[in-house]
């Protein structure tokens, strides 16, 4: 059966009859820029970047041999010019030669007793003709129309203005102040006679303003309707292209190890190559350690890995890994590990995605950790965070990378809302880590909530973090209400059954022997290794050792749901 064709996303071809904005990504989406002789409405609340956008467009025109006129009704001339001086596209000679002419129209409007639309249009026509201008910016239409009493007058004025300027071969950008995000203009009229409408927006975040631009309308041309993020820099406005998502990718049947044999057993052999895993839990449960172990397993097998940290520095990550016996610095030196550390707010989400994609392609990354998504959720508006997570998930799948993402849940003990980040449905696997209170002591508990495409263990497992990483112990049997936070003992626990088995098999030294093994972790491998040692020392006969092992296996297999023990058990060392 032939492989499905990849979807094509046609890029708009540059149109010769365009007025380029000088903003590379916007010009690409618009097919070269604004249609020439069109009326463009640039709408947004105060501080969204409308004036910077307008001047960038005018100076781009001057660079291409198109003179421009900027009409201000909100700021004095000296202030308009002073605000430009820090921007790289600003060229004083362009103003001196009047390739871009700045006009203050406030005096004309304030001197008139009655607002006369014909005089305003005549004023604009005069300066457009005198300057042979092909670009005109009116900043703002909200201010220029305050003297008109009705929507009918405003509609008539804007229509006549647009017709007049188009006849002169002029493209007009009109800025408009809006106070409600649901509206495109103050008067509700400007949008109907505009050929192009862009809406600029910003949201106040702790890391600074999060800016977006959306294309609402382009008469006569196709365009990408997705909202794009942008930043105002010394080079002006820079828009970051959206990473394309697609559902066309290979679904591998290859399993990759998490680095923990017991966790692999719970997953029936590990996670699928190209799958994405969410590791959730409150702070202190070991999410980062689990992800480090996952990466260490990959680099130890010669797989290039990427560790994208958003909360800790590179040196801190390397130090913490070293304390567990993993030499991340050496793997980094050998080119097997790339450690990328940045606070989320240092870049726009699309910048982070582009950078991660570049590293993955250049290094041939097979495993990736993002620690943590919670840092992103705190740095960007919710809908933009969810969009980032969706695109990140899609990127991993398209590249066939096995990925682990961490997310912090709000509840320290008991129930946690995995869906609070609105991303649990996107990802293939969910591993939940939590604290539970048992007999006045906090215990670490691990459970697998979801594995897409395969069965998995449904049991709750205690775990600890030892010198070599995760040590997953026996099931938390004998208790009810563990997940709700109201734990109640209803029968003997696995630990109690194992301790009894040690006492029966070894005698008075059984309790001490049990404690020695428990320190290393009550895994089948550790217990059987200890029993083999006792047999070699002559503490017990071979027959007694075999009987002891059988007893331990029966107890440990009791951790699994009905019908699950034999399936999971075959992945454990025997």
Protein backbone atom coordinates (compact mmCIF):
# COMPACT_ATOMS: atom_id res chain seq x y z
CA UNK A 1 0.00 0.00 0.00
CA UNK A 2 1.58 3.32 -1.04
CA UNK A 3 2.51 5.72 1.74
CA UNK A 4 0.06 8.62 2.15
CA UNK A 5 1.10 11.82 0.45
CA UNK A 6 2.19 14.62 2.72
CA UNK A 7 -0.22 17.54 2.75
CA UNK A 8 0.92 20.55 0.81
CA UNK A 9 0.63 23.99 2.31
CA UNK A 10 0.95 26.38 -0.62
CA UNK A 11 2.85 29.53 0.19
CA UNK A 12 1.37 32.67 -1.33
CA UNK A 13 3.47 33.75 -4.27
CA UNK A 14 4.76 37.32 -4.19
CA UNK A 15 2.48 39.63 -6.13
CA UNK A 16 4.13 42.39 -8.18
CA UNK A 17 1.30 44.76 -7.31
CA UNK A 18 2.17 44.72 -3.63
CA UNK A 19 3.34 47.22 -1.07
CA UNK A 20 5.90 45.27 1.04
CA UNK A 21 5.77 45.90 4.78
CA UNK A 22 9.42 45.07 5.43
CA UNK A 23 8.26 42.42 7.91
CA UNK A 24 9.50 39.24 6.25
CA UNK A 25 7.02 36.69 7.60
CA UNK A 26 4.02 38.99 7.15
CA UNK A 27 4.98 39.72 3.54
CA UNK A 28 5.25 35.97 2.92
CA UNK A 29 1.79 35.33 4.32
CA UNK A 30 0.29 38.29 2.43
CA UNK A 31 1.88 37.24 -0.85
CA UNK A 32 4.36 40.10 -1.03
CA UNK A 33 2.75 42.77 1.12
CA UNK A 34 -0.43 44.85 1.07
CA UNK A 35 -2.22 45.08 -2.29
CA UNK A 36 -1.24 48.37 -3.89
CA UNK A 37 -3.76 51.21 -3.69
CA UNK A 38 -5.63 49.37 -0.93
CA UNK A 39 -7.00 50.77 2.32
CA UNK A 40 -5.46 48.99 5.31
CA UNK A 41 -6.91 49.09 8.82
CA UNK A 42 -4.34 48.48 11.56
CA UNK A 43 -6.45 47.93 14.68
CA UNK A 44 -5.33 47.44 18.24
CA UNK A 45 -5.40 48.74 21.77
CA UNK A 46 -2.89 51.29 23.01
CA UNK A 47 0.70 50.03 23.08
CA UNK A 48 0.29 47.13 20.65
CA UNK A 49 2.83 48.48 18.14
CA UNK A 50 0.67 50.21 15.52
CA UNK A 51 2.92 53.27 15.18
CA UNK A 52 6.13 51.21 14.92
CA UNK A 53 4.44 49.04 12.30
CA UNK A 54 3.38 52.12 10.31
CA UNK A 55 6.83 53.69 10.25
CA UNK A 56 8.50 50.39 9.38
CA UNK A 57 6.17 50.14 6.38
CA UNK A 58 6.88 53.77 5.34
CA UNK A 59 10.67 53.40 5.60
CA UNK A 60 10.48 50.13 3.66
CA UNK A 61 8.70 52.06 0.92
CA UNK A 62 11.40 54.76 0.87
CA UNK A 63 14.02 52.04 0.53
CA UNK A 64 12.13 50.73 -2.52
CA UNK A 65 11.71 54.15 -4.12
CA UNK A 66 8.19 54.83 -2.85
CA UNK A 67 7.75 58.11 -1.00
CA UNK A 68 5.45 58.24 1.99
CA UNK A 69 3.48 60.64 4.16
CA UNK A 70 2.81 60.12 7.86
CA UNK A 71 -0.04 62.14 9.35
CA UNK A 72 -0.15 62.30 13.14
CA UNK A 73 -3.15 63.39 15.16
CA UNK A 74 -2.00 62.06 18.53
CA UNK A 75 1.64 63.09 19.06
CA UNK A 76 3.74 66.21 18.31
CA UNK A 77 6.29 65.89 15.49
CA UNK A 78 9.38 65.91 17.71
CA UNK A 79 8.02 63.03 19.78
CA UNK A 80 7.17 60.96 16.70
CA UNK A 81 10.73 61.37 15.41
CA UNK A 82 12.40 60.79 18.80
CA UNK A 83 10.59 57.46 19.20
CA UNK A 84 12.07 56.31 15.88
CA UNK A 85 15.71 57.04 16.60
CA UNK A 86 16.36 53.78 18.47
CA UNK A 87 15.14 51.62 15.56
CA UNK A 88 17.61 50.31 12.97
CA UNK A 89 15.35 51.01 9.99
CA UNK A 90 15.27 54.71 10.88
CA UNK A 91 17.27 56.86 8.46
CA UNK A 92 17.41 60.57 9.23
CA UNK A 93 18.27 61.42 5.62
CA UNK A 94 14.97 59.89 4.51
CA UNK A 95 13.13 62.50 6.59
CA UNK A 96 15.45 65.32 5.55
CA UNK A 97 14.89 64.52 1.87
CA UNK A 98 11.15 64.15 2.60
CA UNK A 99 11.05 60.64 1.18
CA UNK A 100 8.95 60.14 4.29
CA UNK A 101 7.18 63.35 5.29
CA UNK A 102 5.70 63.71 8.77
CA UNK A 103 2.72 66.06 9.12
CA UNK A 104 1.02 67.23 12.31
CA UNK A 105 -2.69 67.58 11.51
CA UNK A 106 -3.82 68.46 15.02
CA UNK A 107 -3.66 72.22 14.41
CA UNK A 108 -5.84 71.97 11.29
CA UNK A 109 -8.59 70.11 13.12
CA UNK A 110 -8.46 72.20 16.29
CA UNK A 111 -8.64 75.48 14.33
CA UNK A 112 -11.83 74.50 12.52
CA UNK A 113 -15.16 75.30 14.17
CA UNK A 114 -16.86 72.60 12.13
CA UNK A 115 -15.25 69.37 10.94
CA UNK A 116 -15.17 69.60 7.13
CA UNK A 117 -14.40 66.29 5.49
CA UNK A 118 -13.68 67.87 2.12
CA UNK A 119 -10.96 70.07 3.65
CA UNK A 120 -9.35 67.09 5.35
CA UNK A 121 -9.35 65.08 2.13
CA UNK A 122 -8.03 68.08 0.19
CA UNK A 123 -5.22 68.49 2.76
CA UNK A 124 -4.20 64.85 2.43
CA UNK A 125 -4.45 64.89 -1.38
CA UNK A 126 -2.29 68.01 -1.55
CA UNK A 127 0.57 66.49 0.42
CA UNK A 128 0.34 63.13 -1.32
CA UNK A 129 0.62 64.87 -4.71
CA UNK A 130 3.37 67.27 -3.64
CA UNK A 131 5.44 64.44 -2.25
CA UNK A 132 4.56 62.01 -5.06
CA UNK A 133 3.69 59.64 -2.23
CA UNK A 134 2.73 56.02 -2.85
CA UNK A 135 2.22 55.33 0.83
CA UNK A 136 0.15 57.24 3.36
CA UNK A 137 -0.34 56.53 7.04
CA UNK A 138 -3.05 58.21 9.10
CA UNK A 139 -2.39 57.77 12.83
CA UNK A 140 -5.11 57.53 13.88
CA UNK A 141 -8.51 57.27 12.20
CA UNK A 142 -10.06 57.17 15.65
CA UNK A 143 -8.78 60.71 16.30
CA UNK A 144 -9.53 62.09 12.83
CA UNK A 145 -13.18 61.04 12.98
CA UNK A 146 -13.98 62.34 16.46
CA UNK A 147 -15.49 65.45 14.87
CA UNK A 148 -18.09 63.45 12.93
CA UNK A 149 -21.46 62.88 14.52
CA UNK A 150 -22.80 59.74 12.87
CA UNK A 151 -21.65 56.43 11.42
CA UNK A 152 -23.08 57.51 8.08
CA UNK A 153 -20.76 60.54 8.03
CA UNK A 154 -17.78 58.43 9.08
CA UNK A 155 -18.53 55.79 6.43
CA UNK A 156 -18.90 58.47 3.74
CA UNK A 157 -15.68 60.20 4.79
CA UNK A 158 -13.55 57.04 4.87
CA UNK A 159 -14.99 55.81 1.57
CA UNK A 160 -14.29 59.15 -0.14
CA UNK A 161 -10.81 59.27 1.36
CA UNK A 162 -9.97 55.75 0.19
CA UNK A 163 -11.36 56.39 -3.31
CA UNK A 164 -9.47 59.67 -3.63
CA UNK A 165 -6.14 58.24 -2.53
CA UNK A 166 -6.49 55.07 -4.60
CA UNK A 167 -7.05 57.28 -7.64
CA UNK A 168 -3.71 58.88 -6.86
CA UNK A 169 -2.07 55.42 -6.80
CA UNK A 170 -1.57 55.55 -3.03
CA UNK A 171 -1.77 52.71 -0.49
CA UNK A 172 -3.21 53.93 2.81
CA UNK A 173 -2.64 52.50 6.29
CA UNK A 174 -5.12 53.71 8.89
CA UNK A 175 -4.50 52.96 12.55
CA UNK A 176 -7.48 52.53 14.81
CA UNK A 177 -7.76 52.40 18.57
CA UNK A 178 -10.05 49.72 19.93
CA UNK A 179 -11.01 49.20 23.54
CA UNK A 180 -12.81 45.86 23.20
CA UNK A 181 -11.11 42.84 21.68
CA UNK A 182 -14.38 41.74 20.13
CA UNK A 183 -14.44 44.85 17.94
CA UNK A 184 -12.25 45.91 15.02
CA UNK A 185 -12.83 49.65 15.30
CA UNK A 186 -14.31 52.25 17.61
CA UNK A 187 -17.10 53.26 15.25
CA UNK A 188 -17.78 49.83 13.75
CA UNK A 189 -17.53 51.34 10.26
CA UNK A 190 -13.87 51.38 9.23
CA UNK A 191 -13.64 47.62 8.72
CA UNK A 192 -16.37 47.54 6.07
CA UNK A 193 -14.51 49.77 3.64
CA UNK A 194 -11.02 48.49 4.38
CA UNK A 195 -9.41 46.10 1.91
CA UNK A 196 -7.03 44.70 4.53
CA UNK A 197 -7.52 44.39 8.30
CA UNK A 198 -4.79 43.47 10.77
CA UNK A 199 -5.44 43.25 14.51
CA UNK A 200 -2.51 43.76 16.88
CA UNK A 201 -2.85 42.59 20.45
CA UNK A 202 -0.75 42.15 23.56
CA UNK A 203 -1.18 40.45 26.90
CA UNK A 204 0.71 41.53 30.01
CA UNK A 205 2.84 38.69 31.37
CA UNK A 206 5.46 38.57 34.13
CA UNK A 207 8.16 38.17 31.47
CA UNK A 208 6.90 41.14 29.41
CA UNK A 209 4.18 41.76 26.82
CA UNK A 210 3.11 38.81 24.68
CA UNK A 211 2.32 40.33 21.28
CA UNK A 212 0.26 38.85 18.46
CA UNK A 213 -0.98 39.93 15.05
CA UNK A 214 -3.94 38.40 13.26
CA UNK A 215 -5.04 38.86 9.66
CA UNK A 216 -8.80 39.35 9.58
CA UNK A 217 -9.29 40.32 5.96
CA UNK A 218 -7.37 40.64 2.68
CA UNK A 219 -9.64 41.44 -0.22
CA UNK A 220 -8.86 39.40 -3.33
CA UNK A 221 -6.12 37.21 -1.84
CA UNK A 222 -5.81 34.06 0.23
CA UNK A 223 -3.98 34.24 3.55
CA UNK A 224 -3.15 32.29 6.69
CA UNK A 225 -5.76 33.02 9.35
CA UNK A 226 -3.67 31.78 12.28
CA UNK A 227 -2.63 34.39 14.80
CA UNK A 228 1.13 35.00 14.79
CA UNK A 229 3.33 36.13 17.66
CA UNK A 230 5.76 39.00 17.22
CA UNK A 231 8.34 41.01 19.07
CA UNK A 232 9.30 44.69 18.80
CA UNK A 233 13.09 44.80 18.59
CA UNK A 234 15.71 47.37 17.64
CA UNK A 235 15.17 46.13 14.08
CA UNK A 236 11.46 46.82 14.28
CA UNK A 237 8.71 44.22 14.26
CA UNK A 238 9.73 40.60 13.82
CA UNK A 239 6.99 38.00 13.32
CA UNK A 240 7.69 34.36 14.11
CA UNK A 241 6.26 31.81 11.68
CA UNK A 242 4.04 29.05 13.01
CA UNK A 243 5.45 25.53 13.00
CA UNK A 244 3.18 23.44 10.79
CA UNK A 245 1.41 20.48 12.39
CA UNK A 246 0.27 17.34 10.62
CA UNK A 247 -1.21 13.96 11.51
CA UNK A 248 0.87 12.22 8.84
CA UNK A 249 3.74 10.50 10.64
CA UNK A 250 5.03 6.95 11.14
CA UNK A 251 3.78 4.99 14.17
CA UNK A 252 6.72 2.86 15.29
CA UNK A 253 6.32 -0.47 17.10
CA UNK A 254 9.85 -0.26 18.52
CA UNK A 255 10.00 0.01 22.31
CA UNK A 256 12.58 2.17 24.07
CA UNK A 257 13.57 1.74 27.69
CA UNK A 258 12.87 4.39 30.31
CA UNK A 259 16.05 3.43 32.14
CA UNK A 260 14.09 1.65 34.87
CA UNK A 261 13.53 -2.07 34.41
CA UNK A 262 10.52 -2.10 36.73
CA UNK A 263 8.91 0.88 34.99
CA UNK A 264 9.53 -0.76 31.62
CA UNK A 265 7.74 -3.85 32.96
CA UNK A 266 4.75 -1.74 33.97
CA UNK A 267 4.74 -0.34 30.42
CA UNK A 268 5.03 -3.90 29.01
CA UNK A 269 8.45 -3.26 27.53
CA UNK A 270 8.97 0.50 27.55
CA UNK A 271 7.46 3.35 25.53
CA UNK A 272 7.07 3.39 21.77
CA UNK A 273 9.66 5.19 19.69
CA UNK A 274 8.12 8.50 18.59
CA UNK A 275 5.62 8.60 21.47
CA UNK A 276 5.25 11.49 23.89
CA UNK A 277 5.04 10.96 27.65
CA UNK A 278 3.72 13.36 30.25
CA UNK A 279 5.32 12.96 33.68
CA UNK A 280 3.09 14.77 36.17
CA UNK A 281 3.21 15.34 39.88
CA UNK A 282 3.67 17.95 42.60
CA UNK A 283 7.05 19.44 43.32
CA UNK A 284 9.52 17.06 44.94
CA UNK A 285 8.11 13.82 43.52
CA UNK A 286 11.08 13.18 41.21
CA UNK A 287 9.78 14.19 37.77
CA UNK A 288 13.15 15.59 36.71
CA UNK A 289 15.04 12.53 37.96
CA UNK A 290 12.79 10.22 35.94
CA UNK A 291 13.42 12.30 32.82
CA UNK A 292 17.17 12.40 33.48
CA UNK A 293 17.16 8.61 33.79
CA UNK A 294 15.31 8.40 30.47
CA UNK A 295 17.96 10.58 28.79
CA UNK A 296 20.84 8.73 30.44
CA UNK A 297 19.48 5.44 29.11
CA UNK A 298 19.46 6.92 25.61
CA UNK A 299 22.96 8.41 25.58
CA UNK A 300 24.37 5.25 27.18
CA UNK A 301 23.08 3.40 24.11
CA UNK A 302 24.59 5.94 21.73
CA UNK A 303 21.35 7.78 20.96
CA UNK A 304 21.66 11.57 20.51
CA UNK A 305 19.46 13.27 23.11
CA UNK A 306 18.19 16.79 23.80
CA UNK A 307 17.50 18.05 27.30
CA UNK A 308 15.52 21.30 27.11
CA UNK A 309 15.44 22.82 30.58
CA UNK A 310 13.32 25.85 31.41
CA UNK A 311 13.77 26.05 35.18
CA UNK A 312 17.37 25.04 35.93
CA UNK A 313 20.75 26.07 34.55
CA UNK A 314 22.98 23.77 32.52
CA UNK A 315 25.47 23.46 35.40
CA UNK A 316 22.71 22.57 37.86
CA UNK A 317 21.38 19.86 35.54
CA UNK A 318 24.88 18.41 35.12
CA UNK A 319 25.52 18.54 38.89
CA UNK A 320 22.22 16.83 39.73
CA UNK A 321 22.84 14.13 37.14
CA UNK A 322 26.35 13.54 38.49
CA UNK A 323 24.95 12.93 41.99
CA UNK A 324 23.09 9.97 40.51
CA UNK A 325 26.16 8.63 38.73
CA UNK A 326 25.34 10.02 35.28
CA UNK A 327 28.08 12.03 33.57
CA UNK A 328 26.06 14.41 31.39
CA UNK A 329 29.09 16.66 30.85
CA UNK A 330 31.00 13.78 29.25
CA UNK A 331 28.05 12.86 27.03
CA UNK A 332 27.77 16.52 26.05
CA UNK A 333 31.48 16.60 25.19
CA UNK A 334 31.05 13.52 23.00
CA UNK A 335 28.18 15.15 21.12
CA UNK A 336 25.55 12.69 22.34
CA UNK A 337 23.75 15.15 24.61
CA UNK A 338 22.63 18.71 23.94
CA UNK A 339 21.55 20.70 27.01
CA UNK A 340 19.49 23.77 26.13
CA UNK A 341 18.51 26.03 29.02
CA UNK A 342 16.46 29.22 28.74
CA UNK A 343 13.66 30.85 30.68
CA UNK A 344 10.44 30.58 28.60
CA UNK A 345 9.98 34.35 28.48
CA UNK A 346 13.36 34.93 26.82
CA UNK A 347 11.82 33.89 23.51
CA UNK A 348 8.40 33.65 21.94
CA UNK A 349 6.95 30.10 21.88
CA UNK A 350 7.54 29.87 18.12
CA UNK A 351 11.19 30.85 18.63
CA UNK A 352 11.61 28.04 21.15
CA UNK A 353 9.99 25.56 18.76
CA UNK A 354 12.16 26.66 15.83
CA UNK A 355 15.30 26.35 17.96
CA UNK A 356 14.34 22.90 19.28
CA UNK A 357 13.51 21.76 15.74
CA UNK A 358 16.88 23.01 14.48
CA UNK A 359 18.78 21.13 17.20
CA UNK A 360 16.80 17.95 16.54
CA UNK A 361 17.54 18.06 12.82
CA UNK A 362 21.22 18.99 13.18
CA UNK A 363 21.97 16.40 15.87
CA UNK A 364 19.65 13.60 14.74
CA UNK A 365 17.99 13.57 18.18
CA UNK A 366 16.29 10.31 19.21
CA UNK A 367 15.12 11.31 22.70
CA UNK A 368 14.03 14.66 24.07
CA UNK A 369 13.09 15.95 27.52
CA UNK A 370 11.23 19.23 28.09
CA UNK A 371 11.40 20.19 31.76
CA UNK A 372 8.98 21.70 32.34
CA UNK A 373 5.82 22.63 30.47
CA UNK A 374 4.57 24.25 33.66
CA UNK A 375 7.17 26.99 33.22
CA UNK A 376 5.63 27.78 29.83
CA UNK A 377 2.12 27.75 31.23
CA UNK A 378 3.14 30.41 33.74
CA UNK A 379 4.85 32.56 31.09
CA UNK A 380 2.27 32.80 28.31
CA UNK A 381 -1.51 33.18 27.93
CA UNK A 382 -3.32 29.86 28.32
CA UNK A 383 -4.44 29.46 24.71
CA UNK A 384 -0.95 30.20 23.42
CA UNK A 385 0.55 27.72 25.88
CA UNK A 386 -1.84 24.98 24.71
CA UNK A 387 -1.01 25.83 21.09
CA UNK A 388 2.71 25.58 21.91
CA UNK A 389 2.22 22.16 23.55
CA UNK A 390 0.23 20.92 20.55
CA UNK A 391 2.93 21.99 18.09
CA UNK A 392 5.71 20.60 20.28
CA UNK A 393 3.90 17.26 20.49
CA UNK A 394 3.43 17.23 16.70
CA UNK A 395 7.11 18.05 16.12
CA UNK A 396 8.25 15.08 18.22
CA UNK A 397 5.96 12.72 16.34
CA UNK A 398 6.99 14.01 12.91
CA UNK A 399 10.65 13.45 13.81
CA UNK A 400 10.06 10.05 15.45
CA UNK A 401 11.54 11.27 18.74
CA UNK A 402 10.65 9.61 22.05
CA UNK A 403 9.89 12.55 24.32
CA UNK A 404 9.16 13.19 27.99
CA UNK A 405 7.49 16.40 29.18
CA UNK A 406 7.10 17.28 32.84
CA UNK A 407 4.22 19.23 34.33
CA UNK A 408 3.67 20.21 37.96
CA UNK A 409 0.29 19.49 39.50
CA UNK A 410 -1.16 21.72 42.19
CA UNK A 411 -2.15 19.19 44.87
CA UNK A 412 0.71 18.05 47.10
CA UNK A 413 -1.14 15.04 48.54
CA UNK A 414 -4.11 13.19 47.12
CA UNK A 415 -6.01 13.94 43.96
CA UNK A 416 -4.32 15.95 41.17
CA UNK A 417 -6.00 17.44 38.13
CA UNK A 418 -3.99 16.26 35.16
CA UNK A 419 -6.23 18.12 32.75
CA UNK A 420 -5.57 21.50 34.34
CA UNK A 421 -2.94 22.13 31.67
CA UNK A 422 -5.39 21.05 28.93
CA UNK A 423 -2.72 18.90 27.34
CA UNK A 424 -3.32 15.40 28.73
CA UNK A 425 -5.41 14.34 25.73
CA UNK A 426 -2.68 15.26 23.22
CA UNK A 427 0.03 13.04 24.65
CA UNK A 428 0.41 9.28 24.28
CA UNK A 429 1.44 8.29 27.78
CA UNK A 430 0.86 9.72 31.25
CA UNK A 431 2.93 8.73 34.27
CA UNK A 432 1.61 10.16 37.52
CA UNK A 433 3.84 10.69 40.54
CA UNK A 434 2.36 11.67 43.88
CA UNK A 435 2.75 11.71 47.63
CA UNK A 436 0.44 9.65 49.84
CA UNK A 437 0.22 9.69 53.61
CA UNK A 438 0.43 6.28 55.23
CA UNK A 439 0.66 5.85 58.99
CA UNK A 440 1.83 9.44 59.42
CA UNK A 441 4.55 9.15 56.78
CA UNK A 442 4.72 10.57 53.23
CA UNK A 443 5.37 7.88 50.62
CA UNK A 444 6.16 8.26 46.91
CA UNK A 445 3.68 6.48 44.65
CA UNK A 446 3.82 5.99 40.89
CA UNK A 447 0.98 5.00 38.59
CA UNK A 448 0.50 4.80 34.84
CA UNK A 449 -2.66 6.63 33.84
CA UNK A 450 -2.53 6.10 30.11
CA UNK A 451 -0.49 4.37 27.40
CA UNK A 452 -1.78 4.83 23.88
CA UNK A 453 -1.70 1.70 21.72
CA UNK A 454 -0.95 -0.97 24.33
CA UNK A 455 -1.99 -2.44 27.67
CA UNK A 456 -0.15 -1.39 30.82
CA UNK A 457 0.01 -2.04 34.54
CA UNK A 458 -2.87 -0.52 36.50
CA UNK A 459 -1.20 -0.94 39.88
CA UNK A 460 0.02 1.74 42.27
CA UNK A 461 3.73 1.29 42.98
CA UNK A 462 5.81 2.77 45.75
CA UNK A 463 9.19 4.11 44.69
CA UNK A 464 12.27 5.81 46.02
CA UNK A 465 15.20 7.64 44.45
CA UNK A 466 18.46 5.86 45.16
CA UNK A 467 22.08 6.33 44.12
CA UNK A 468 21.31 5.06 40.62
CA UNK A 469 17.97 6.77 40.06
CA UNK A 470 14.49 5.34 40.40
CA UNK A 471 13.96 2.25 42.53
CA UNK A 472 10.39 1.07 42.03
CA UNK A 473 9.17 -1.09 44.86
CA UNK A 474 6.16 -3.32 45.40
CA UNK A 475 2.56 -2.40 44.86
CA UNK A 476 0.73 -0.31 47.38
CA UNK A 477 -1.64 -3.14 48.21
CA UNK A 478 -3.66 -3.45 51.38
CA UNK A 479 -4.94 0.14 51.22
CA UNK A 480 -8.01 1.91 49.90
CA UNK A 481 -8.55 5.58 49.00
CA UNK A 482 -4.92 6.22 48.08
CA UNK A 483 -5.72 8.49 45.13
CA UNK A 484 -8.37 10.45 46.98
CA UNK A 485 -6.02 11.34 49.81
CA UNK A 486 -8.05 9.37 52.38
CA UNK A 487 -5.86 6.26 52.71
CA UNK A 488 -7.28 3.39 54.78
CA UNK A 489 -5.63 0.06 55.48
CA UNK A 490 -7.84 -2.94 54.67
CA UNK A 491 -5.38 -5.87 54.56
CA UNK A 492 -1.73 -6.83 54.86
CA UNK A 493 0.57 -4.84 52.59
CA UNK A 494 3.13 -6.33 50.20
CA UNK A 495 5.91 -5.14 52.51
CA UNK A 496 4.28 -6.91 55.46
CA UNK A 497 3.85 -10.12 53.45
CA UNK A 498 7.49 -9.97 52.31
CA UNK A 499 8.71 -9.36 55.85
CA UNK A 500 6.72 -12.40 57.03
CA UNK A 501 8.20 -14.49 54.19
CA UNK A 502 11.74 -13.44 55.21
CA UNK A 503 11.07 -14.41 58.83
CA UNK A 504 9.65 -17.81 57.85
CA UNK A 505 12.52 -18.59 55.47
CA UNK A 506 15.46 -17.25 57.51
CA UNK A 507 14.23 -17.29 61.08
CA UNK A 508 15.19 -14.73 63.75
CA UNK A 509 17.50 -12.89 61.29
CA UNK A 510 14.63 -12.45 58.84
CA UNK A 511 13.66 -8.96 60.00
CA UNK A 512 17.23 -7.68 59.71
CA UNK A 513 17.67 -9.31 56.28
CA UNK A 514 14.43 -7.75 55.09
CA UNK A 515 15.61 -4.29 56.21
CA UNK A 516 18.90 -4.71 54.30
CA UNK A 517 17.08 -5.53 51.06
CA UNK A 518 14.47 -2.81 51.60
CA UNK A 519 17.24 -0.18 51.63
CA UNK A 520 18.22 -1.20 48.09
CA UNK A 521 14.62 -1.51 46.92
CA UNK A 522 12.12 -4.34 47.19
CA UNK A 523 12.40 -5.44 43.58
CA UNK A 524 12.36 -9.04 42.41
CA UNK A 525 15.93 -8.70 41.13
CA UNK A 526 17.26 -7.35 44.45
CA UNK A 527 15.46 -9.96 46.56
CA UNK A 528 16.51 -12.91 44.39
CA UNK A 529 20.11 -11.66 44.36
CA UNK A 530 20.05 -11.56 48.18
CA UNK A 531 18.58 -15.08 48.38
CA UNK A 532 21.27 -16.38 46.00
CA UNK A 533 23.89 -14.85 48.30
CA UNK A 534 22.41 -16.63 51.32
CA UNK A 535 22.41 -19.92 49.42
CA UNK A 536 26.07 -19.52 48.39
CA UNK A 537 27.04 -18.77 52.00
CA UNK A 538 25.26 -21.95 53.15
CA UNK A 539 22.68 -20.05 55.20
CA UNK A 540 19.96 -22.01 53.39
CA UNK A 541 19.82 -25.00 51.07
CA UNK A 542 19.20 -24.71 47.33
CA UNK A 543 15.75 -26.21 47.79
CA UNK A 544 14.88 -23.72 50.54
CA UNK A 545 16.19 -20.86 48.38
CA UNK A 546 14.03 -21.98 45.45
CA UNK A 547 10.97 -22.24 47.71
CA UNK A 548 11.73 -18.76 49.15
CA UNK A 549 11.96 -17.31 45.61
CA UNK A 550 8.62 -18.85 44.64
CA UNK A 551 7.01 -17.31 47.70
CA UNK A 552 8.45 -13.87 46.84
CA UNK A 553 7.26 -14.11 43.23
CA UNK A 554 3.72 -14.95 44.33
CA UNK A 555 3.66 -11.96 46.69
CA UNK A 556 5.04 -9.53 44.10
CA UNK A 557 2.73 -10.74 41.35
CA UNK A 558 -0.19 -10.02 43.63
CA UNK A 559 0.48 -6.31 43.01
CA UNK A 560 -1.14 -6.42 39.57
CA UNK A 561 -4.75 -6.24 38.54
CA UNK A 562 -6.55 -9.52 37.82
CA UNK A 563 -5.13 -11.15 34.70
CA UNK A 564 -2.23 -8.69 34.58
CA UNK A 565 0.38 -10.43 36.69
CA UNK A 566 1.50 -13.02 34.15
CA UNK A 567 1.71 -10.40 31.36
CA UNK A 568 3.78 -7.92 33.32
CA UNK A 569 5.78 -10.57 35.12
CA UNK A 570 7.40 -11.83 31.92
CA UNK A 571 9.25 -8.53 31.58
CA UNK A 572 10.83 -8.85 35.05
CA UNK A 573 14.14 -10.66 35.47
CA UNK A 574 13.65 -14.16 36.84
